[in-house]
Amino acid sequence: TIAQACELARELGAQRTVLTHLSHDVD
């Protein structure tokens, strides 16, 4: 999910994260 991806990015300490493979549910 978007929240899970954001949490994973935080845990990894990524400087920049781009979320991809977005569904049509995302505004």
mmCIF file of all heavy atoms, coordinates in Angstrom:
data_MODEL
# 
_entry.id   MODEL 
# 
loop_
_atom_site.group_PDB 
_atom_site.id 
_atom_site.type_symbol 
_atom_site.label_atom_id 
_atom_site.label_alt_id 
_atom_site.label_comp_id 
_atom_site.label_asym_id 
_atom_site.label_entity_id 
_atom_site.label_seq_id 
_atom_site.pdbx_PDB_ins_code 
_atom_site.Cartn_x 
_atom_site.Cartn_y 
_atom_site.Cartn_z 
_atom_site.occupancy 
_atom_site.B_iso_or_equiv 
_atom_site.pdbx_formal_charge 
_atom_site.auth_seq_id 
_atom_site.auth_comp_id 
_atom_site.auth_asym_id 
_atom_site.auth_atom_id 
_atom_site.pdbx_PDB_model_num 
ATOM 1   N N   . THR A 1 1  ? 0.864  -1.178 0.000   1.00 0.00 ? 1  THR A N   1 
ATOM 2   C CA  . THR A 1 1  ? 0.000  0.000  0.000   1.00 0.00 ? 1  THR A CA  1 
ATOM 3   C C   . THR A 1 1  ? 0.904  1.232  0.000   1.00 0.00 ? 1  THR A C   1 
ATOM 4   O O   . THR A 1 1  ? 2.115  1.135  0.237   1.00 0.00 ? 1  THR A O   1 
ATOM 5   C CB  . THR A 1 1  ? -0.903 0.045  1.237   1.00 0.00 ? 1  THR A CB  1 
ATOM 6   O OG1 . THR A 1 1  ? -0.068 0.205  2.408   1.00 0.00 ? 1  THR A OG1 1 
ATOM 7   C CG2 . THR A 1 1  ? -1.775 -1.188 1.372   1.00 0.00 ? 1  THR A CG2 1 
ATOM 8   N N   . ILE A 1 2  ? 0.326  2.380  -0.223  1.00 0.00 ? 2  ILE A N   1 
ATOM 9   C CA  . ILE A 1 2  ? 1.111  3.618  -0.170  1.00 0.00 ? 2  ILE A CA  1 
ATOM 10  C C   . ILE A 1 2  ? 1.713  3.803  1.221   1.00 0.00 ? 2  ILE A C   1 
ATOM 11  O O   . ILE A 1 2  ? 2.893  4.133  1.356   1.00 0.00 ? 2  ILE A O   1 
ATOM 12  C CB  . ILE A 1 2  ? 0.245  4.818  -0.597  1.00 0.00 ? 2  ILE A CB  1 
ATOM 13  C CG1 . ILE A 1 2  ? -0.045 4.719  -2.101  1.00 0.00 ? 2  ILE A CG1 1 
ATOM 14  C CG2 . ILE A 1 2  ? 0.930  6.138  -0.259  1.00 0.00 ? 2  ILE A CG2 1 
ATOM 15  C CD1 . ILE A 1 2  ? -1.002 5.756  -2.637  1.00 0.00 ? 2  ILE A CD1 1 
ATOM 16  N N   . ALA A 1 3  ? 0.934  3.549  2.258   1.00 0.00 ? 3  ALA A N   1 
ATOM 17  C CA  . ALA A 1 3  ? 1.441  3.690  3.633   1.00 0.00 ? 3  ALA A CA  1 
ATOM 18  C C   . ALA A 1 3  ? 2.581  2.710  3.910   1.00 0.00 ? 3  ALA A C   1 
ATOM 19  O O   . ALA A 1 3  ? 3.579  3.074  4.539   1.00 0.00 ? 3  ALA A O   1 
ATOM 20  C CB  . ALA A 1 3  ? 0.309  3.502  4.632   1.00 0.00 ? 3  ALA A CB  1 
ATOM 21  N N   . GLN A 1 4  ? 2.446  1.475  3.459   1.00 0.00 ? 4  GLN A N   1 
ATOM 22  C CA  . GLN A 1 4  ? 3.510  0.481  3.662   1.00 0.00 ? 4  GLN A CA  1 
ATOM 23  C C   . GLN A 1 4  ? 4.786  0.884  2.929   1.00 0.00 ? 4  GLN A C   1 
ATOM 24  O O   . GLN A 1 4  ? 5.884  0.744  3.466   1.00 0.00 ? 4  GLN A O   1 
ATOM 25  C CB  . GLN A 1 4  ? 3.046  -0.898 3.187   1.00 0.00 ? 4  GLN A CB  1 
ATOM 26  C CG  . GLN A 1 4  ? 1.985  -1.520 4.051   1.00 0.00 ? 4  GLN A CG  1 
ATOM 27  C CD  . GLN A 1 4  ? 1.362  -2.758 3.409   1.00 0.00 ? 4  GLN A CD  1 
ATOM 28  O OE1 . GLN A 1 4  ? 1.231  -2.842 2.177   1.00 0.00 ? 4  GLN A OE1 1 
ATOM 29  N NE2 . GLN A 1 4  ? 0.963  -3.702 4.241   1.00 0.00 ? 4  GLN A NE2 1 
ATOM 30  N N   . ALA A 1 5  ? 4.645  1.386  1.715   1.00 0.00 ? 5  ALA A N   1 
ATOM 31  C CA  . ALA A 1 5  ? 5.806  1.815  0.939   1.00 0.00 ? 5  ALA A CA  1 
ATOM 32  C C   . ALA A 1 5  ? 6.493  3.000  1.616   1.00 0.00 ? 5  ALA A C   1 
ATOM 33  O O   . ALA A 1 5  ? 7.725  3.059  1.668   1.00 0.00 ? 5  ALA A O   1 
ATOM 34  C CB  . ALA A 1 5  ? 5.393  2.169  -0.482  1.00 0.00 ? 5  ALA A CB  1 
ATOM 35  N N   . CYS A 1 6  ? 5.710  3.922  2.142   1.00 0.00 ? 6  CYS A N   1 
ATOM 36  C CA  . CYS A 1 6  ? 6.281  5.079  2.847   1.00 0.00 ? 6  CYS A CA  1 
ATOM 37  C C   . CYS A 1 6  ? 7.032  4.631  4.096   1.00 0.00 ? 6  CYS A C   1 
ATOM 38  O O   . CYS A 1 6  ? 8.122  5.135  4.389   1.00 0.00 ? 6  CYS A O   1 
ATOM 39  C CB  . CYS A 1 6  ? 5.178  6.074  3.212   1.00 0.00 ? 6  CYS A CB  1 
ATOM 40  S SG  . CYS A 1 6  ? 4.479  6.957  1.810   1.00 0.00 ? 6  CYS A SG  1 
ATOM 41  N N   . GLU A 1 7  ? 6.468  3.685  4.819   1.00 0.00 ? 7  GLU A N   1 
ATOM 42  C CA  . GLU A 1 7  ? 7.124  3.169  6.023   1.00 0.00 ? 7  GLU A CA  1 
ATOM 43  C C   . GLU A 1 7  ? 8.420  2.451  5.661   1.00 0.00 ? 7  GLU A C   1 
ATOM 44  O O   . GLU A 1 7  ? 9.444  2.627  6.329   1.00 0.00 ? 7  GLU A O   1 
ATOM 45  C CB  . GLU A 1 7  ? 6.182  2.230  6.783   1.00 0.00 ? 7  GLU A CB  1 
ATOM 46  C CG  . GLU A 1 7  ? 6.790  1.583  8.001   1.00 0.00 ? 7  GLU A CG  1 
ATOM 47  C CD  . GLU A 1 7  ? 7.256  2.547  9.088   1.00 0.00 ? 7  GLU A CD  1 
ATOM 48  O OE1 . GLU A 1 7  ? 6.811  3.719  9.098   1.00 0.00 ? 7  GLU A OE1 1 
ATOM 49  O OE2 . GLU A 1 7  ? 8.087  2.145  9.921   1.00 0.00 ? 7  GLU A OE2 1 
ATOM 50  N N   . LEU A 1 8  ? 8.399  1.664  4.623   1.00 0.00 ? 8  LEU A N   1 
ATOM 51  C CA  . LEU A 1 8  ? 9.604  0.961  4.183   1.00 0.00 ? 8  LEU A CA  1 
ATOM 52  C C   . LEU A 1 8  ? 10.686 1.958  3.773   1.00 0.00 ? 8  LEU A C   1 
ATOM 53  O O   . LEU A 1 8  ? 11.854 1.798  4.127   1.00 0.00 ? 8  LEU A O   1 
ATOM 54  C CB  . LEU A 1 8  ? 9.266  0.016  3.035   1.00 0.00 ? 8  LEU A CB  1 
ATOM 55  C CG  . LEU A 1 8  ? 10.387 -0.880 2.534   1.00 0.00 ? 8  LEU A CG  1 
ATOM 56  C CD1 . LEU A 1 8  ? 10.976 -1.721 3.654   1.00 0.00 ? 8  LEU A CD1 1 
ATOM 57  C CD2 . LEU A 1 8  ? 9.866  -1.763 1.423   1.00 0.00 ? 8  LEU A CD2 1 
ATOM 58  N N   . ALA A 1 9  ? 10.308 2.989  3.063   1.00 0.00 ? 9  ALA A N   1 
ATOM 59  C CA  . ALA A 1 9  ? 11.268 4.028  2.669   1.00 0.00 ? 9  ALA A CA  1 
ATOM 60  C C   . ALA A 1 9  ? 11.886 4.686  3.899   1.00 0.00 ? 9  ALA A C   1 
ATOM 61  O O   . ALA A 1 9  ? 13.096 4.936  3.932   1.00 0.00 ? 9  ALA A O   1 
ATOM 62  C CB  . ALA A 1 9  ? 10.579 5.067  1.787   1.00 0.00 ? 9  ALA A CB  1 
ATOM 63  N N   . ARG A 1 10 ? 11.064 4.932  4.905   1.00 0.00 ? 10 ARG A N   1 
ATOM 64  C CA  . ARG A 1 10 ? 11.569 5.522  6.151   1.00 0.00 ? 10 ARG A CA  1 
ATOM 65  C C   . ARG A 1 10 ? 12.544 4.576  6.838   1.00 0.00 ? 10 ARG A C   1 
ATOM 66  O O   . ARG A 1 10 ? 13.623 4.976  7.279   1.00 0.00 ? 10 ARG A O   1 
ATOM 67  C CB  . ARG A 1 10 ? 10.410 5.857  7.087   1.00 0.00 ? 10 ARG A CB  1 
ATOM 68  C CG  . ARG A 1 10 ? 10.852 6.628  8.337   1.00 0.00 ? 10 ARG A CG  1 
ATOM 69  C CD  . ARG A 1 10 ? 9.778  6.649  9.402   1.00 0.00 ? 10 ARG A CD  1 
ATOM 70  N NE  . ARG A 1 10 ? 9.452  5.332  9.917   1.00 0.00 ? 10 ARG A NE  1 
ATOM 71  C CZ  . ARG A 1 10 ? 10.211 4.618  10.762  1.00 0.00 ? 10 ARG A CZ  1 
ATOM 72  N NH1 . ARG A 1 10 ? 11.359 5.093  11.177  1.00 0.00 ? 10 ARG A NH1 1 
ATOM 73  N NH2 . ARG A 1 10 ? 9.820  3.435  11.191  1.00 0.00 ? 10 ARG A NH2 1 
ATOM 74  N N   . GLU A 1 11 ? 12.179 3.295  6.930   1.00 0.00 ? 11 GLU A N   1 
ATOM 75  C CA  . GLU A 1 11 ? 13.043 2.296  7.565   1.00 0.00 ? 11 GLU A CA  1 
ATOM 76  C C   . GLU A 1 11 ? 14.375 2.154  6.839   1.00 0.00 ? 11 GLU A C   1 
ATOM 77  O O   . GLU A 1 11 ? 15.413 1.947  7.473   1.00 0.00 ? 11 GLU A O   1 
ATOM 78  C CB  . GLU A 1 11 ? 12.341 0.940  7.611   1.00 0.00 ? 11 GLU A CB  1 
ATOM 79  C CG  . GLU A 1 11 ? 11.181 0.881  8.574   1.00 0.00 ? 11 GLU A CG  1 
ATOM 80  C CD  . GLU A 1 11 ? 10.387 -0.406 8.471   1.00 0.00 ? 11 GLU A CD  1 
ATOM 81  O OE1 . GLU A 1 11 ? 10.799 -1.333 7.718   1.00 0.00 ? 11 GLU A OE1 1 
ATOM 82  O OE2 . GLU A 1 11 ? 9.333  -0.501 9.140   1.00 0.00 ? 11 GLU A OE2 1 
ATOM 83  N N   . LEU A 1 12 ? 14.356 2.258  5.521   1.00 0.00 ? 12 LEU A N   1 
ATOM 84  C CA  . LEU A 1 12 ? 15.587 2.137  4.733   1.00 0.00 ? 12 LEU A CA  1 
ATOM 85  C C   . LEU A 1 12 ? 16.409 3.421  4.756   1.00 0.00 ? 12 LEU A C   1 
ATOM 86  O O   . LEU A 1 12 ? 17.579 3.410  4.390   1.00 0.00 ? 12 LEU A O   1 
ATOM 87  C CB  . LEU A 1 12 ? 15.254 1.770  3.285   1.00 0.00 ? 12 LEU A CB  1 
ATOM 88  C CG  . LEU A 1 12 ? 14.630 0.401  3.054   1.00 0.00 ? 12 LEU A CG  1 
ATOM 89  C CD1 . LEU A 1 12 ? 14.257 0.231  1.585   1.00 0.00 ? 12 LEU A CD1 1 
ATOM 90  C CD2 . LEU A 1 12 ? 15.556 -0.712 3.512   1.00 0.00 ? 12 LEU A CD2 1 
ATOM 91  N N   . GLY A 1 13 ? 15.799 4.525  5.133   1.00 0.00 ? 13 GLY A N   1 
ATOM 92  C CA  . GLY A 1 13 ? 16.506 5.802  5.143   1.00 0.00 ? 13 GLY A CA  1 
ATOM 93  C C   . GLY A 1 13 ? 16.760 6.346  3.749   1.00 0.00 ? 13 GLY A C   1 
ATOM 94  O O   . GLY A 1 13 ? 17.752 7.049  3.521   1.00 0.00 ? 13 GLY A O   1 
ATOM 95  N N   . ALA A 1 14 ? 15.865 6.030  2.820   1.00 0.00 ? 14 ALA A N   1 
ATOM 96  C CA  . ALA A 1 14 ? 16.025 6.520  1.444   1.00 0.00 ? 14 ALA A CA  1 
ATOM 97  C C   . ALA A 1 14 ? 15.879 8.039  1.407   1.00 0.00 ? 14 ALA A C   1 
ATOM 98  O O   . ALA A 1 14 ? 14.973 8.586  2.020   1.00 0.00 ? 14 ALA A O   1 
ATOM 99  C CB  . ALA A 1 14 ? 14.982 5.873  0.538   1.00 0.00 ? 14 ALA A CB  1 
ATOM 100 N N   . GLN A 1 15 ? 16.774 8.700  0.691   1.00 0.00 ? 15 GLN A N   1 
ATOM 101 C CA  . GLN A 1 15 ? 16.696 10.157 0.579   1.00 0.00 ? 15 GLN A CA  1 
ATOM 102 C C   . GLN A 1 15 ? 15.517 10.591 -0.278  1.00 0.00 ? 15 GLN A C   1 
ATOM 103 O O   . GLN A 1 15 ? 14.859 11.583 0.020   1.00 0.00 ? 15 GLN A O   1 
ATOM 104 C CB  . GLN A 1 15 ? 17.991 10.710 -0.007  1.00 0.00 ? 15 GLN A CB  1 
ATOM 105 C CG  . GLN A 1 15 ? 19.161 10.596 0.929   1.00 0.00 ? 15 GLN A CG  1 
ATOM 106 C CD  . GLN A 1 15 ? 20.408 11.200 0.318   1.00 0.00 ? 15 GLN A CD  1 
ATOM 107 O OE1 . GLN A 1 15 ? 20.346 12.087 -0.529  1.00 0.00 ? 15 GLN A OE1 1 
ATOM 108 N NE2 . GLN A 1 15 ? 21.556 10.725 0.744   1.00 0.00 ? 15 GLN A NE2 1 
ATOM 109 N N   . ARG A 1 16 ? 15.273 9.855  -1.358  1.00 0.00 ? 16 ARG A N   1 
ATOM 110 C CA  . ARG A 1 16 ? 14.164 10.154 -2.257  1.00 0.00 ? 16 ARG A CA  1 
ATOM 111 C C   . ARG A 1 16 ? 13.483 8.840  -2.617  1.00 0.00 ? 16 ARG A C   1 
ATOM 112 O O   . ARG A 1 16 ? 14.153 7.854  -2.922  1.00 0.00 ? 16 ARG A O   1 
ATOM 113 C CB  . ARG A 1 16 ? 14.666 10.827 -3.535  1.00 0.00 ? 16 ARG A CB  1 
ATOM 114 C CG  . ARG A 1 16 ? 13.583 11.138 -4.545  1.00 0.00 ? 16 ARG A CG  1 
ATOM 115 C CD  . ARG A 1 16 ? 14.152 11.748 -5.811  1.00 0.00 ? 16 ARG A CD  1 
ATOM 116 N NE  . ARG A 1 16 ? 13.095 12.034 -6.773  1.00 0.00 ? 16 ARG A NE  1 
ATOM 117 C CZ  . ARG A 1 16 ? 13.319 12.285 -8.054  1.00 0.00 ? 16 ARG A CZ  1 
ATOM 118 N NH1 . ARG A 1 16 ? 14.564 12.308 -8.515  1.00 0.00 ? 16 ARG A NH1 1 
ATOM 119 N NH2 . ARG A 1 16 ? 12.309 12.522 -8.870  1.00 0.00 ? 16 ARG A NH2 1 
ATOM 120 N N   . THR A 1 17 ? 12.162 8.832  -2.577  1.00 0.00 ? 17 THR A N   1 
ATOM 121 C CA  . THR A 1 17 ? 11.392 7.641  -2.924  1.00 0.00 ? 17 THR A CA  1 
ATOM 122 C C   . THR A 1 17 ? 10.335 8.012  -3.946  1.00 0.00 ? 17 THR A C   1 
ATOM 123 O O   . THR A 1 17 ? 9.631  9.007  -3.783  1.00 0.00 ? 17 THR A O   1 
ATOM 124 C CB  . THR A 1 17 ? 10.720 7.040  -1.675  1.00 0.00 ? 17 THR A CB  1 
ATOM 125 O OG1 . THR A 1 17 ? 11.748 6.665  -0.741  1.00 0.00 ? 17 THR A OG1 1 
ATOM 126 C CG2 . THR A 1 17 ? 9.895  5.819  -2.022  1.00 0.00 ? 17 THR A CG2 1 
ATOM 127 N N   . VAL A 1 18 ? 10.252 7.197  -5.003  1.00 0.00 ? 18 VAL A N   1 
ATOM 128 C CA  . VAL A 1 18 ? 9.240  7.371  -6.037  1.00 0.00 ? 18 VAL A CA  1 
ATOM 129 C C   . VAL A 1 18 ? 8.334  6.146  -5.993  1.00 0.00 ? 18 VAL A C   1 
ATOM 130 O O   . VAL A 1 18 ? 8.811  5.019  -6.149  1.00 0.00 ? 18 VAL A O   1 
ATOM 131 C CB  . VAL A 1 18 ? 9.878  7.531  -7.433  1.00 0.00 ? 18 VAL A CB  1 
ATOM 132 C CG1 . VAL A 1 18 ? 8.800  7.650  -8.498  1.00 0.00 ? 18 VAL A CG1 1 
ATOM 133 C CG2 . VAL A 1 18 ? 10.806 8.740  -7.467  1.00 0.00 ? 18 VAL A CG2 1 
ATOM 134 N N   . LEU A 1 19 ? 7.057  6.382  -5.735  1.00 0.00 ? 19 LEU A N   1 
ATOM 135 C CA  . LEU A 1 19 ? 6.085  5.294  -5.697  1.00 0.00 ? 19 LEU A CA  1 
ATOM 136 C C   . LEU A 1 19 ? 5.541  5.070  -7.093  1.00 0.00 ? 19 LEU A C   1 
ATOM 137 O O   . LEU A 1 19 ? 5.091  6.007  -7.763  1.00 0.00 ? 19 LEU A O   1 
ATOM 138 C CB  . LEU A 1 19 ? 4.941  5.626  -4.732  1.00 0.00 ? 19 LEU A CB  1 
ATOM 139 C CG  . LEU A 1 19 ? 5.345  5.933  -3.298  1.00 0.00 ? 19 LEU A CG  1 
ATOM 140 C CD1 . LEU A 1 19 ? 4.108  6.173  -2.451  1.00 0.00 ? 19 LEU A CD1 1 
ATOM 141 C CD2 . LEU A 1 19 ? 6.198  4.828  -2.711  1.00 0.00 ? 19 LEU A CD2 1 
ATOM 142 N N   . THR A 1 20 ? 5.570  3.825  -7.528  1.00 0.00 ? 20 THR A N   1 
ATOM 143 C CA  . THR A 1 20 ? 5.145  3.479  -8.868  1.00 0.00 ? 20 THR A CA  1 
ATOM 144 C C   . THR A 1 20 ? 4.095  2.380  -8.833  1.00 0.00 ? 20 THR A C   1 
ATOM 145 O O   . THR A 1 20 ? 3.734  1.907  -7.762  1.00 0.00 ? 20 THR A O   1 
ATOM 146 C CB  . THR A 1 20 ? 6.370  3.065  -9.726  1.00 0.00 ? 20 THR A CB  1 
ATOM 147 O OG1 . THR A 1 20 ? 5.987  2.945  -11.084 1.00 0.00 ? 20 THR A OG1 1 
ATOM 148 C CG2 . THR A 1 20 ? 6.978  1.775  -9.231  1.00 0.00 ? 20 THR A CG2 1 
ATOM 149 N N   . HIS A 1 21 ? 3.620  1.996  -9.991  1.00 0.00 ? 21 HIS A N   1 
ATOM 150 C CA  . HIS A 1 21 ? 2.591  0.971  -10.146 1.00 0.00 ? 21 HIS A CA  1 
ATOM 151 C C   . HIS A 1 21 ? 1.305  1.384  -9.431  1.00 0.00 ? 21 HIS A C   1 
ATOM 152 O O   . HIS A 1 21 ? 0.645  0.601  -8.758  1.00 0.00 ? 21 HIS A O   1 
ATOM 153 C CB  . HIS A 1 21 ? 3.099  -0.388 -9.641  1.00 0.00 ? 21 HIS A CB  1 
ATOM 154 C CG  . HIS A 1 21 ? 2.344  -1.521 -10.227 1.00 0.00 ? 21 HIS A CG  1 
ATOM 155 N ND1 . HIS A 1 21 ? 1.563  -2.335 -9.461  1.00 0.00 ? 21 HIS A ND1 1 
ATOM 156 C CD2 . HIS A 1 21 ? 2.226  -1.957 -11.497 1.00 0.00 ? 21 HIS A CD2 1 
ATOM 157 C CE1 . HIS A 1 21 ? 0.996  -3.250 -10.234 1.00 0.00 ? 21 HIS A CE1 1 
ATOM 158 N NE2 . HIS A 1 21 ? 1.380  -3.028 -11.477 1.00 0.00 ? 21 HIS A NE2 1 
ATOM 159 N N   . LEU A 1 22 ? 0.959  2.650  -9.554  1.00 0.00 ? 22 LEU A N   1 
ATOM 160 C CA  . LEU A 1 22 ? -0.226 3.215  -8.895  1.00 0.00 ? 22 LEU A CA  1 
ATOM 161 C C   . LEU A 1 22 ? -1.500 2.753  -9.584  1.00 0.00 ? 22 LEU A C   1 
ATOM 162 O O   . LEU A 1 22 ? -1.548 2.661  -10.807 1.00 0.00 ? 22 LEU A O   1 
ATOM 163 C CB  . LEU A 1 22 ? -0.160 4.745  -8.934  1.00 0.00 ? 22 LEU A CB  1 
ATOM 164 C CG  . LEU A 1 22 ? 1.129  5.373  -8.404  1.00 0.00 ? 22 LEU A CG  1 
ATOM 165 C CD1 . LEU A 1 22 ? 1.133  6.861  -8.706  1.00 0.00 ? 22 LEU A CD1 1 
ATOM 166 C CD2 . LEU A 1 22 ? 1.301  5.104  -6.936  1.00 0.00 ? 22 LEU A CD2 1 
ATOM 167 N N   . SER A 1 23 ? -2.529 2.501  -8.797  1.00 0.00 ? 23 SER A N   1 
ATOM 168 C CA  . SER A 1 23 ? -3.820 2.094  -9.368  1.00 0.00 ? 23 SER A CA  1 
ATOM 169 C C   . SER A 1 23 ? -4.665 3.335  -9.666  1.00 0.00 ? 23 SER A C   1 
ATOM 170 O O   . SER A 1 23 ? -4.315 4.456  -9.296  1.00 0.00 ? 23 SER A O   1 
ATOM 171 C CB  . SER A 1 23 ? -4.565 1.170  -8.403  1.00 0.00 ? 23 SER A CB  1 
ATOM 172 O OG  . SER A 1 23 ? -5.150 1.921  -7.363  1.00 0.00 ? 23 SER A OG  1 
ATOM 173 N N   . HIS A 1 24 ? -5.798 3.098  -10.282 1.00 0.00 ? 24 HIS A N   1 
ATOM 174 C CA  . HIS A 1 24 ? -6.715 4.195  -10.593 1.00 0.00 ? 24 HIS A CA  1 
ATOM 175 C C   . HIS A 1 24 ? -7.403 4.737  -9.341  1.00 0.00 ? 24 HIS A C   1 
ATOM 176 O O   . HIS A 1 24 ? -8.056 5.776  -9.402  1.00 0.00 ? 24 HIS A O   1 
ATOM 177 C CB  . HIS A 1 24 ? -7.755 3.737  -11.619 1.00 0.00 ? 24 HIS A CB  1 
ATOM 178 C CG  . HIS A 1 24 ? -7.133 3.408  -12.939 1.00 0.00 ? 24 HIS A CG  1 
ATOM 179 N ND1 . HIS A 1 24 ? -6.630 4.359  -13.782 1.00 0.00 ? 24 HIS A ND1 1 
ATOM 180 C CD2 . HIS A 1 24 ? -6.897 2.221  -13.544 1.00 0.00 ? 24 HIS A CD2 1 
ATOM 181 C CE1 . HIS A 1 24 ? -6.125 3.789  -14.853 1.00 0.00 ? 24 HIS A CE1 1 
ATOM 182 N NE2 . HIS A 1 24 ? -6.274 2.487  -14.745 1.00 0.00 ? 24 HIS A NE2 1 
ATOM 183 N N   . ASP A 1 25 ? -7.234 4.042  -8.205  1.00 0.00 ? 25 ASP A N   1 
ATOM 184 C CA  . ASP A 1 25 ? -7.799 4.517  -6.938  1.00 0.00 ? 25 ASP A CA  1 
ATOM 185 C C   . ASP A 1 25 ? -7.012 5.702  -6.372  1.00 0.00 ? 25 ASP A C   1 
ATOM 186 O O   . ASP A 1 25 ? -7.491 6.377  -5.472  1.00 0.00 ? 25 ASP A O   1 
ATOM 187 C CB  . ASP A 1 25 ? -7.787 3.397  -5.889  1.00 0.00 ? 25 ASP A CB  1 
ATOM 188 C CG  . ASP A 1 25 ? -8.680 2.236  -6.257  1.00 0.00 ? 25 ASP A CG  1 
ATOM 189 O OD1 . ASP A 1 25 ? -9.593 2.422  -7.085  1.00 0.00 ? 25 ASP A OD1 1 
ATOM 190 O OD2 . ASP A 1 25 ? -8.467 1.139  -5.717  1.00 0.00 ? 25 ASP A OD2 1 
ATOM 191 N N   . VAL A 1 26 ? -5.814 5.917  -6.876  1.00 0.00 ? 26 VAL A N   1 
ATOM 192 C CA  . VAL A 1 26 ? -4.950 6.983  -6.358  1.00 0.00 ? 26 VAL A CA  1 
ATOM 193 C C   . VAL A 1 26 ? -5.308 8.298  -7.038  1.00 0.00 ? 26 VAL A C   1 
ATOM 194 O O   . VAL A 1 26 ? -5.343 8.385  -8.262  1.00 0.00 ? 26 VAL A O   1 
ATOM 195 C CB  . VAL A 1 26 ? -3.461 6.636  -6.591  1.00 0.00 ? 26 VAL A CB  1 
ATOM 196 C CG1 . VAL A 1 26 ? -2.562 7.775  -6.138  1.00 0.00 ? 26 VAL A CG1 1 
ATOM 197 C CG2 . VAL A 1 26 ? -3.101 5.338  -5.878  1.00 0.00 ? 26 VAL A CG2 1 
ATOM 198 N N   . ASP A 1 27 ? -5.568 9.312  -6.231  1.00 0.00 ? 27 ASP A N   1 
ATOM 199 C CA  . ASP A 1 27 ? -5.832 10.665 -6.733  1.00 0.00 ? 27 ASP A CA  1 
ATOM 200 C C   . ASP A 1 27 ? -4.509 11.422 -6.658  1.00 0.00 ? 27 ASP A C   1 
ATOM 201 O O   . ASP A 1 27 ? -4.070 11.823 -5.575  1.00 0.00 ? 27 ASP A O   1 
ATOM 202 C CB  . ASP A 1 27 ? -6.901 11.344 -5.881  1.00 0.00 ? 27 ASP A CB  1 
ATOM 203 C CG  . ASP A 1 27 ? -7.271 12.723 -6.384  1.00 0.00 ? 27 ASP A CG  1 
ATOM 204 O OD1 . ASP A 1 27 ? -6.363 13.495 -6.786  1.00 0.00 ? 27 ASP A OD1 1 
ATOM 205 O OD2 . ASP A 1 27 ? -8.465 13.049 -6.355  1.00 0.00 ? 27 ASP A OD2 1 
# 
